[in-house]
Every structure is written in C-alpha cells, then in structure tokens.
C-alpha cells in the first residue's frame, strides 16, 4: 500500500501549484464538428474568459456543448480545421 501511495503522489506540491497557475479558462461558442476514428473528439471554437477578443479552435475529448467552460492547460496552440 505504501508503494501505491508513492506512485499516486508523484507530483510535488510545488509542481501542482505551478501547473494550477497555467490554467486558462475559455467558453465554448460553437461546435464545428466531430473528428477522430470513432467520432469521440469534438472540434470547438472557444473564446477566452479574460480576453473576449481572442478565440481558438480546439479539439476536446468527451461530451461538450455550447456554453460550457473548459480549462486549457496550454492556450497558444490551435487545432487544424476539419475537412
């Protein structure tokens, strides 16, 4: 049981705090379509909550609908458009 707890708690408190500071929140404004081999990925357009002039296209795994707020760990990269 001690080995399991070591594996689960592999991140230090400092790493957790640093990663929490990098989270950016965005609201889903449009669902562009489904992608992936089985359609499990949704391609959506998001607008940042702090900067409403800025928007990105991102791929999201799992259920999502218009108006949802998502947490982005990385907010610079944009997904390629569906064909």
PDB file of N, CA and C in Angstrom:
ATOM      1  N   UNK A   1       0.824  -1.196   0.000  1.00  0.00           N
ATOM      2  CA  UNK A   1       0.000   0.000   0.000  1.00  0.00           C
ATOM      3  C   UNK A   1       0.863   1.253   0.000  1.00  0.00           C
ATOM      4  N   UNK A   2       2.040   1.167   0.588  1.00  0.00           N
ATOM      5  CA  UNK A   2       2.934   2.321   0.608  1.00  0.00           C
ATOM      6  C   UNK A   2       3.473   2.607  -0.793  1.00  0.00           C
ATOM      7  N   UNK A   3       3.718   1.561  -1.566  1.00  0.00           N
ATOM      8  CA  UNK A   3       4.191   1.739  -2.938  1.00  0.00           C
ATOM      9  C   UNK A   3       3.116   2.434  -3.775  1.00  0.00           C
ATOM     10  N   UNK A   4       1.854   2.031  -3.585  1.00  0.00           N
ATOM     11  CA  UNK A   4       0.759   2.658  -4.330  1.00  0.00           C
ATOM     12  C   UNK A   4       0.670   4.145  -4.024  1.00  0.00           C
ATOM     13  N   UNK A   5       0.794   4.516  -2.764  1.00  0.00           N
ATOM     14  CA  UNK A   5       0.691   5.929  -2.413  1.00  0.00           C
ATOM     15  C   UNK A   5       1.858   6.719  -2.988  1.00  0.00           C
ATOM     16  N   UNK A   6       3.030   6.108  -3.102  1.00  0.00           N
ATOM     17  CA  UNK A   6       4.163   6.793  -3.708  1.00  0.00           C
ATOM     18  C   UNK A   6       3.927   7.023  -5.196  1.00  0.00           C
ATOM     19  N   UNK A   7       3.308   6.048  -5.859  1.00  0.00           N
ATOM     20  CA  UNK A   7       3.038   6.202  -7.284  1.00  0.00           C
ATOM     21  C   UNK A   7       1.964   7.253  -7.540  1.00  0.00           C
ATOM     22  N   UNK A   8       0.942   7.287  -6.685  1.00  0.00           N
ATOM     23  CA  UNK A   8      -0.142   8.249  -6.869  1.00  0.00           C
ATOM     24  C   UNK A   8       0.351   9.664  -6.602  1.00  0.00           C
ATOM     25  N   UNK A   9       1.153   9.861  -5.577  1.00  0.00           N
ATOM     26  CA  UNK A   9       1.608  11.185  -5.174  1.00  0.00           C
ATOM     27  C   UNK A   9       2.979  11.503  -5.740  1.00  0.00           C
ATOM     28  N   UNK A  10       3.163  11.289  -7.037  1.00  0.00           N
ATOM     29  CA  UNK A  10       4.477  11.504  -7.633  1.00  0.00           C
ATOM     30  C   UNK A  10       4.783  12.980  -7.885  1.00  0.00           C
ATOM     31  N   UNK A  11       3.758  13.846  -7.890  1.00  0.00           N
ATOM     32  CA  UNK A  11       3.979  15.273  -8.104  1.00  0.00           C
ATOM     33  C   UNK A  11       4.172  15.973  -6.769  1.00  0.00           C
ATOM     34  N   UNK A  12       5.108  16.885  -6.728  1.00  0.00           N
ATOM     35  CA  UNK A  12       5.316  17.654  -5.514  1.00  0.00           C
ATOM     36  C   UNK A  12       4.285  18.770  -5.430  1.00  0.00           C
ATOM     37  N   UNK A  13       4.122  19.345  -4.249  1.00  0.00           N
ATOM     38  CA  UNK A  13       3.181  20.446  -4.075  1.00  0.00           C
ATOM     39  C   UNK A  13       3.563  21.627  -4.956  1.00  0.00           C
ATOM     40  N   UNK A  14       4.856  21.875  -5.125  1.00  0.00           N
ATOM     41  CA  UNK A  14       5.319  22.985  -5.956  1.00  0.00           C
ATOM     42  C   UNK A  14       4.897  22.781  -7.409  1.00  0.00           C
ATOM     43  N   UNK A  15       5.018  21.558  -7.918  1.00  0.00           N
ATOM     44  CA  UNK A  15       4.619  21.268  -9.296  1.00  0.00           C
ATOM     45  C   UNK A  15       3.117  21.476  -9.489  1.00  0.00           C
ATOM     46  N   UNK A  16       2.336  21.081  -8.496  1.00  0.00           N
ATOM     47  CA  UNK A  16       0.886  21.242  -8.584  1.00  0.00           C
ATOM     48  C   UNK A  16       0.522  22.724  -8.600  1.00  0.00           C
ATOM     49  N   UNK A  17       1.162  23.523  -7.758  1.00  0.00           N
ATOM     50  CA  UNK A  17       0.874  24.955  -7.712  1.00  0.00           C
ATOM     51  C   UNK A  17       1.293  25.640  -9.015  1.00  0.00           C
ATOM     52  N   UNK A  18       2.439  25.243  -9.579  1.00  0.00           N
ATOM     53  CA  UNK A  18       2.890  25.835 -10.834  1.00  0.00           C
ATOM     54  C   UNK A  18       1.947  25.497 -11.972  1.00  0.00           C
ATOM     55  N   UNK A  19       1.457  24.258 -12.013  1.00  0.00           N
ATOM     56  CA  UNK A  19       0.556  23.870 -13.090  1.00  0.00           C
ATOM     57  C   UNK A  19      -0.806  24.545 -12.928  1.00  0.00           C
ATOM     58  N   UNK A  20      -1.233  24.816 -11.699  1.00  0.00           N
ATOM     59  CA  UNK A  20      -2.517  25.484 -11.477  1.00  0.00           C
ATOM     60  C   UNK A  20      -2.478  26.919 -11.978  1.00  0.00           C
ATOM     61  N   UNK A  21      -1.318  27.549 -11.942  1.00  0.00           N
ATOM     62  CA  UNK A  21      -1.209  28.929 -12.401  1.00  0.00           C
ATOM     63  C   UNK A  21      -1.294  29.032 -13.921  1.00  0.00           C
ATOM     64  N   UNK A  22      -1.035  27.963 -14.634  1.00  0.00           N
ATOM     65  CA  UNK A  22      -1.008  27.980 -16.091  1.00  0.00           C
ATOM     66  C   UNK A  22      -2.371  27.700 -16.722  1.00  0.00           C
ATOM     67  N   UNK A  23      -3.397  27.433 -15.930  1.00  0.00           N
ATOM     68  CA  UNK A  23      -4.713  27.101 -16.458  1.00  0.00           C
ATOM     69  C   UNK A  23      -5.387  28.360 -16.995  1.00  0.00           C
ATOM     70  N   UNK A  24      -5.945  28.263 -18.200  1.00  0.00           N
ATOM     71  CA  UNK A  24      -6.685  29.355 -18.823  1.00  0.00           C
ATOM     72  C   UNK A  24      -8.101  28.861 -19.084  1.00  0.00           C
ATOM     73  N   UNK A  25      -9.084  29.663 -18.728  1.00  0.00           N
ATOM     74  CA  UNK A  25     -10.477  29.263 -18.906  1.00  0.00           C
ATOM     75  C   UNK A  25     -11.053  29.879 -20.168  1.00  0.00           C
ATOM     76  N   UNK A  26     -11.872  29.079 -20.867  1.00  0.00           N
ATOM     77  CA  UNK A  26     -12.476  29.529 -22.116  1.00  0.00           C
ATOM     78  C   UNK A  26     -13.895  28.981 -22.219  1.00  0.00           C
ATOM     79  N   UNK A  27     -14.758  29.718 -22.913  1.00  0.00           N
ATOM     80  CA  UNK A  27     -16.149  29.301 -23.110  1.00  0.00           C
ATOM     81  C   UNK A  27     -16.325  28.790 -24.537  1.00  0.00           C
ATOM     82  N   UNK A  28     -17.030  27.662 -24.674  1.00  0.00           N
ATOM     83  CA  UNK A  28     -17.317  27.075 -25.984  1.00  0.00           C
ATOM     84  C   UNK A  28     -18.408  27.915 -26.648  1.00  0.00           C
ATOM     85  N   UNK A  29     -18.098  28.468 -27.826  1.00  0.00           N
ATOM     86  CA  UNK A  29     -19.072  29.300 -28.533  1.00  0.00           C
ATOM     87  C   UNK A  29     -19.695  28.594 -29.729  1.00  0.00           C
ATOM     88  N   UNK A  30     -19.002  27.589 -30.268  1.00  0.00           N
ATOM     89  CA  UNK A  30     -19.509  26.897 -31.459  1.00  0.00           C
ATOM     90  C   UNK A  30     -18.935  25.502 -31.506  1.00  0.00           C
ATOM     91  N   UNK A  31     -19.754  24.530 -31.861  1.00  0.00           N
ATOM     92  CA  UNK A  31     -19.273  23.171 -32.094  1.00  0.00           C
ATOM     93  C   UNK A  31     -19.158  23.003 -33.600  1.00  0.00           C
ATOM     94  N   UNK A  32     -17.937  22.838 -34.072  1.00  0.00           N
ATOM     95  CA  UNK A  32     -17.664  22.778 -35.509  1.00  0.00           C
ATOM     96  C   UNK A  32     -17.995  21.408 -36.069  1.00  0.00           C
ATOM     97  N   UNK A  33     -17.628  20.347 -35.337  1.00  0.00           N
ATOM     98  CA  UNK A  33     -17.912  19.003 -35.815  1.00  0.00           C
ATOM     99  C   UNK A  33     -17.218  17.960 -34.985  1.00  0.00           C
ATOM    100  N   UNK A  34     -17.398  16.708 -35.396  1.00  0.00           N
ATOM    101  CA  UNK A  34     -16.776  15.566 -34.723  1.00  0.00           C
ATOM    102  C   UNK A  34     -15.597  15.081 -35.545  1.00  0.00           C
ATOM    103  N   UNK A  35     -14.581  14.591 -34.855  1.00  0.00           N
ATOM    104  CA  UNK A  35     -13.405  14.061 -35.532  1.00  0.00           C
ATOM    105  C   UNK A  35     -12.910  12.849 -34.748  1.00  0.00           C
ATOM    106  N   UNK A  36     -11.843  12.256 -35.207  1.00  0.00           N
ATOM    107  CA  UNK A  36     -11.336  11.039 -34.584  1.00  0.00           C
ATOM    108  C   UNK A  36     -11.863   9.823 -35.320  1.00  0.00           C
ATOM    109  N   UNK A  37     -11.235   8.700 -35.097  1.00  0.00           N
ATOM    110  CA  UNK A  37     -11.612   7.492 -35.840  1.00  0.00           C
ATOM    111  C   UNK A  37     -13.025   7.026 -35.501  1.00  0.00           C
ATOM    112  N   UNK A  38     -13.485   7.312 -34.278  1.00  0.00           N
ATOM    113  CA  UNK A  38     -14.828   6.897 -33.876  1.00  0.00           C
ATOM    114  C   UNK A  38     -15.727   8.088 -33.542  1.00  0.00           C
ATOM    115  N   UNK A  39     -15.291   9.280 -33.835  1.00  0.00           N
ATOM    116  CA  UNK A  39     -16.102  10.454 -33.562  1.00  0.00           C
ATOM    117  C   UNK A  39     -16.123  10.869 -32.108  1.00  0.00           C
ATOM    118  N   UNK A  40     -15.130  10.459 -31.340  1.00  0.00           N
ATOM    119  CA  UNK A  40     -15.091  10.765 -29.910  1.00  0.00           C
ATOM    120  C   UNK A  40     -14.473  12.111 -29.583  1.00  0.00           C
ATOM    121  N   UNK A  41     -14.000  12.821 -30.590  1.00  0.00           N
ATOM    122  CA  UNK A  41     -13.372  14.126 -30.386  1.00  0.00           C
ATOM    123  C   UNK A  41     -14.256  15.193 -31.034  1.00  0.00           C
ATOM    124  N   UNK A  42     -14.545  16.252 -30.284  1.00  0.00           N
ATOM    125  CA  UNK A  42     -15.332  17.363 -30.828  1.00  0.00           C
ATOM    126  C   UNK A  42     -14.404  18.524 -31.127  1.00  0.00           C
ATOM    127  N   UNK A  43     -14.554  19.105 -32.296  1.00  0.00           N
ATOM    128  CA  UNK A  43     -13.781  20.299 -32.625  1.00  0.00           C
ATOM    129  C   UNK A  43     -14.668  21.503 -32.331  1.00  0.00           C
ATOM    130  N   UNK A  44     -14.175  22.393 -31.467  1.00  0.00           N
ATOM    131  CA  UNK A  44     -14.989  23.513 -30.996  1.00  0.00           C
ATOM    132  C   UNK A  44     -14.225  24.823 -31.126  1.00  0.00           C
ATOM    133  N   UNK A  45     -14.982  25.904 -31.197  1.00  0.00           N
ATOM    134  CA  UNK A  45     -14.401  27.246 -31.158  1.00  0.00           C
ATOM    135  C   UNK A  45     -14.624  27.777 -29.750  1.00  0.00           C
ATOM    136  N   UNK A  46     -13.551  28.290 -29.134  1.00  0.00           N
ATOM    137  CA  UNK A  46     -13.634  28.806 -27.770  1.00  0.00           C
ATOM    138  C   UNK A  46     -13.202  30.263 -27.727  1.00  0.00           C
ATOM    139  N   UNK A  47     -13.771  31.008 -26.784  1.00  0.00           N
ATOM    140  CA  UNK A  47     -13.396  32.394 -26.530  1.00  0.00           C
ATOM    141  C   UNK A  47     -12.882  32.454 -25.096  1.00  0.00           C
ATOM    142  N   UNK A  48     -11.744  33.103 -24.904  1.00  0.00           N
ATOM    143  CA  UNK A  48     -11.143  33.194 -23.579  1.00  0.00           C
ATOM    144  C   UNK A  48     -11.979  34.084 -22.670  1.00  0.00           C
ATOM    145  N   UNK A  49     -12.102  33.705 -21.403  1.00  0.00           N
ATOM    146  CA  UNK A  49     -12.897  34.489 -20.465  1.00  0.00           C
ATOM    147  C   UNK A  49     -12.215  35.804 -20.109  1.00  0.00           C
ATOM    148  N   UNK A  50     -10.888  35.790 -19.992  1.00  0.00           N
ATOM    149  CA  UNK A  50     -10.172  37.019 -19.632  1.00  0.00           C
ATOM    150  C   UNK A  50     -10.020  37.973 -20.806  1.00  0.00           C
ATOM    151  N   UNK A  51      -9.943  37.435 -22.019  1.00  0.00           N
ATOM    152  CA  UNK A  51      -9.756  38.257 -23.223  1.00  0.00           C
ATOM    153  C   UNK A  51     -10.790  37.823 -24.259  1.00  0.00           C
ATOM    154  N   UNK A  52     -11.955  38.463 -24.259  1.00  0.00           N
ATOM    155  CA  UNK A  52     -13.060  38.023 -25.115  1.00  0.00           C
ATOM    156  C   UNK A  52     -12.817  38.302 -26.600  1.00  0.00           C
ATOM    157  N   UNK A  53     -11.776  39.064 -26.931  1.00  0.00           N
ATOM    158  CA  UNK A  53     -11.451  39.317 -28.338  1.00  0.00           C
ATOM    159  C   UNK A  53     -10.689  38.155 -28.964  1.00  0.00           C
ATOM    160  N   UNK A  54     -10.179  37.263 -28.148  1.00  0.00           N
ATOM    161  CA  UNK A  54      -9.321  36.186 -28.619  1.00  0.00           C
ATOM    162  C   UNK A  54     -10.077  34.865 -28.646  1.00  0.00           C
ATOM    163  N   UNK A  55      -9.989  34.139 -29.760  1.00  0.00           N
ATOM    164  CA  UNK A  55     -10.655  32.840 -29.866  1.00  0.00           C
ATOM    165  C   UNK A  55      -9.720  31.837 -30.537  1.00  0.00           C
ATOM    166  N   UNK A  56      -9.969  30.566 -30.279  1.00  0.00           N
ATOM    167  CA  UNK A  56      -9.183  29.468 -30.840  1.00  0.00           C
ATOM    168  C   UNK A  56     -10.114  28.329 -31.243  1.00  0.00           C
ATOM    169  N   UNK A  57      -9.633  27.458 -32.105  1.00  0.00           N
ATOM    170  CA  UNK A  57     -10.302  26.198 -32.421  1.00  0.00           C
ATOM    171  C   UNK A  57      -9.524  25.102 -31.710  1.00  0.00           C
ATOM    172  N   UNK A  58     -10.212  24.306 -30.904  1.00  0.00           N
ATOM    173  CA  UNK A  58      -9.555  23.247 -30.137  1.00  0.00           C
ATOM    174  C   UNK A  58     -10.294  21.931 -30.307  1.00  0.00           C
ATOM    175  N   UNK A  59      -9.600  20.831 -30.075  1.00  0.00           N
ATOM    176  CA  UNK A  59     -10.190  19.500 -30.065  1.00  0.00           C
ATOM    177  C   UNK A  59     -10.417  19.109 -28.607  1.00  0.00           C
ATOM    178  N   UNK A  60     -11.635  18.623 -28.307  1.00  0.00           N
ATOM    179  CA  UNK A  60     -11.986  18.253 -26.947  1.00  0.00           C
ATOM    180  C   UNK A  60     -12.475  16.817 -26.937  1.00  0.00           C
ATOM    181  N   UNK A  61     -11.945  16.026 -26.015  1.00  0.00           N
ATOM    182  CA  UNK A  61     -12.362  14.633 -25.868  1.00  0.00           C
ATOM    183  C   UNK A  61     -13.505  14.568 -24.859  1.00  0.00           C
ATOM    184  N   UNK A  62     -14.545  13.843 -25.211  1.00  0.00           N
ATOM    185  CA  UNK A  62     -15.671  13.677 -24.303  1.00  0.00           C
ATOM    186  C   UNK A  62     -16.820  14.600 -24.643  1.00  0.00           C
ATOM    187  N   UNK A  63     -17.879  14.519 -23.837  1.00  0.00           N
ATOM    188  CA  UNK A  63     -19.071  15.321 -24.132  1.00  0.00           C
ATOM    189  C   UNK A  63     -18.836  16.804 -23.900  1.00  0.00           C
ATOM    190  N   UNK A  64     -19.323  17.617 -24.809  1.00  0.00           N
ATOM    191  CA  UNK A  64     -19.199  19.068 -24.703  1.00  0.00           C
ATOM    192  C   UNK A  64     -20.378  19.701 -25.422  1.00  0.00           C
ATOM    193  N   UNK A  65     -20.831  20.838 -24.926  1.00  0.00           N
ATOM    194  CA  UNK A  65     -21.919  21.555 -25.587  1.00  0.00           C
ATOM    195  C   UNK A  65     -21.645  23.043 -25.553  1.00  0.00           C
ATOM    196  N   UNK A  66     -22.376  23.772 -26.361  1.00  0.00           N
ATOM    197  CA  UNK A  66     -22.206  25.220 -26.461  1.00  0.00           C
ATOM    198  C   UNK A  66     -22.488  25.857 -25.101  1.00  0.00           C
ATOM    199  N   UNK A  67     -21.588  26.759 -24.697  1.00  0.00           N
ATOM    200  CA  UNK A  67     -21.731  27.440 -23.414  1.00  0.00           C
ATOM    201  C   UNK A  67     -20.902  26.837 -22.301  1.00  0.00           C
ATOM    202  N   UNK A  68     -20.351  25.639 -22.501  1.00  0.00           N
ATOM    203  CA  UNK A  68     -19.502  25.019 -21.483  1.00  0.00           C
ATOM    204  C   UNK A  68     -18.228  25.829 -21.282  1.00  0.00           C
ATOM    205  N   UNK A  69     -17.721  25.825 -20.063  1.00  0.00           N
ATOM    206  CA  UNK A  69     -16.439  26.465 -19.769  1.00  0.00           C
ATOM    207  C   UNK A  69     -15.411  25.366 -19.599  1.00  0.00           C
ATOM    208  N   UNK A  70     -14.309  25.483 -20.337  1.00  0.00           N
ATOM    209  CA  UNK A  70     -13.258  24.470 -20.277  1.00  0.00           C
ATOM    210  C   UNK A  70     -11.978  25.096 -19.732  1.00  0.00           C
ATOM    211  N   UNK A  71     -11.145  24.252 -19.147  1.00  0.00           N
ATOM    212  CA  UNK A  71      -9.850  24.689 -18.630  1.00  0.00           C
ATOM    213  C   UNK A  71      -8.775  24.231 -19.604  1.00  0.00           C
ATOM    214  N   UNK A  72      -8.012  25.172 -20.130  1.00  0.00           N
ATOM    215  CA  UNK A  72      -6.949  24.870 -21.085  1.00  0.00           C
ATOM    216  C   UNK A  72      -5.605  24.933 -20.376  1.00  0.00           C
ATOM    217  N   UNK A  73      -4.862  23.847 -20.422  1.00  0.00           N
ATOM    218  CA  UNK A  73      -3.526  23.835 -19.820  1.00  0.00           C
ATOM    219  C   UNK A  73      -2.535  24.559 -20.729  1.00  0.00           C
ATOM    220  N   UNK A  74      -2.839  24.592 -22.013  1.00  0.00           N
ATOM    221  CA  UNK A  74      -1.980  25.250 -22.998  1.00  0.00           C
ATOM    222  C   UNK A  74      -2.897  26.049 -23.911  1.00  0.00           C
ATOM    223  N   UNK A  75      -2.666  27.337 -24.051  1.00  0.00           N
ATOM    224  CA  UNK A  75      -3.644  28.178 -24.750  1.00  0.00           C
ATOM    225  C   UNK A  75      -3.081  28.839 -26.008  1.00  0.00           C
ATOM    226  N   UNK A  76      -1.946  28.405 -26.500  1.00  0.00           N
ATOM    227  CA  UNK A  76      -1.358  29.003 -27.703  1.00  0.00           C
ATOM    228  C   UNK A  76      -1.641  28.190 -28.964  1.00  0.00           C
ATOM    229  N   UNK A  77      -1.709  26.880 -28.834  1.00  0.00           N
ATOM    230  CA  UNK A  77      -1.816  26.014 -29.999  1.00  0.00           C
ATOM    231  C   UNK A  77      -3.258  25.911 -30.482  1.00  0.00           C
ATOM    232  N   UNK A  78      -3.449  26.012 -31.790  1.00  0.00           N
ATOM    233  CA  UNK A  78      -4.782  25.901 -32.392  1.00  0.00           C
ATOM    234  C   UNK A  78      -4.864  24.607 -33.189  1.00  0.00           C
ATOM    235  N   UNK A  79      -6.039  23.961 -33.147  1.00  0.00           N
ATOM    236  CA  UNK A  79      -6.237  22.707 -33.874  1.00  0.00           C
ATOM    237  C   UNK A  79      -6.401  22.978 -35.357  1.00  0.00           C
ATOM    238  N   UNK A  80      -5.978  22.007 -36.182  1.00  0.00           N
ATOM    239  CA  UNK A  80      -6.213  22.113 -37.618  1.00  0.00           C
ATOM    240  C   UNK A  80      -7.699  21.940 -37.900  1.00  0.00           C
ATOM    241  N   UNK A  81      -8.203  22.636 -38.887  1.00  0.00           N
ATOM    242  CA  UNK A  81      -9.629  22.577 -39.223  1.00  0.00           C
ATOM    243  C   UNK A  81      -9.996  21.234 -39.815  1.00  0.00           C
ATOM    244  N   UNK A  82     -11.251  20.808 -39.598  1.00  0.00           N
ATOM    245  CA  UNK A  82     -11.761  19.595 -40.217  1.00  0.00           C
ATOM    246  C   UNK A  82     -11.916  19.810 -41.715  1.00  0.00           C
ATOM    247  N   UNK A  83     -11.810  18.705 -42.479  1.00  0.00           N
ATOM    248  CA  UNK A  83     -12.006  18.799 -43.929  1.00  0.00           C
ATOM    249  C   UNK A  83     -13.347  18.245 -44.312  1.00  0.00           C
TER     250      UNK A  83
END
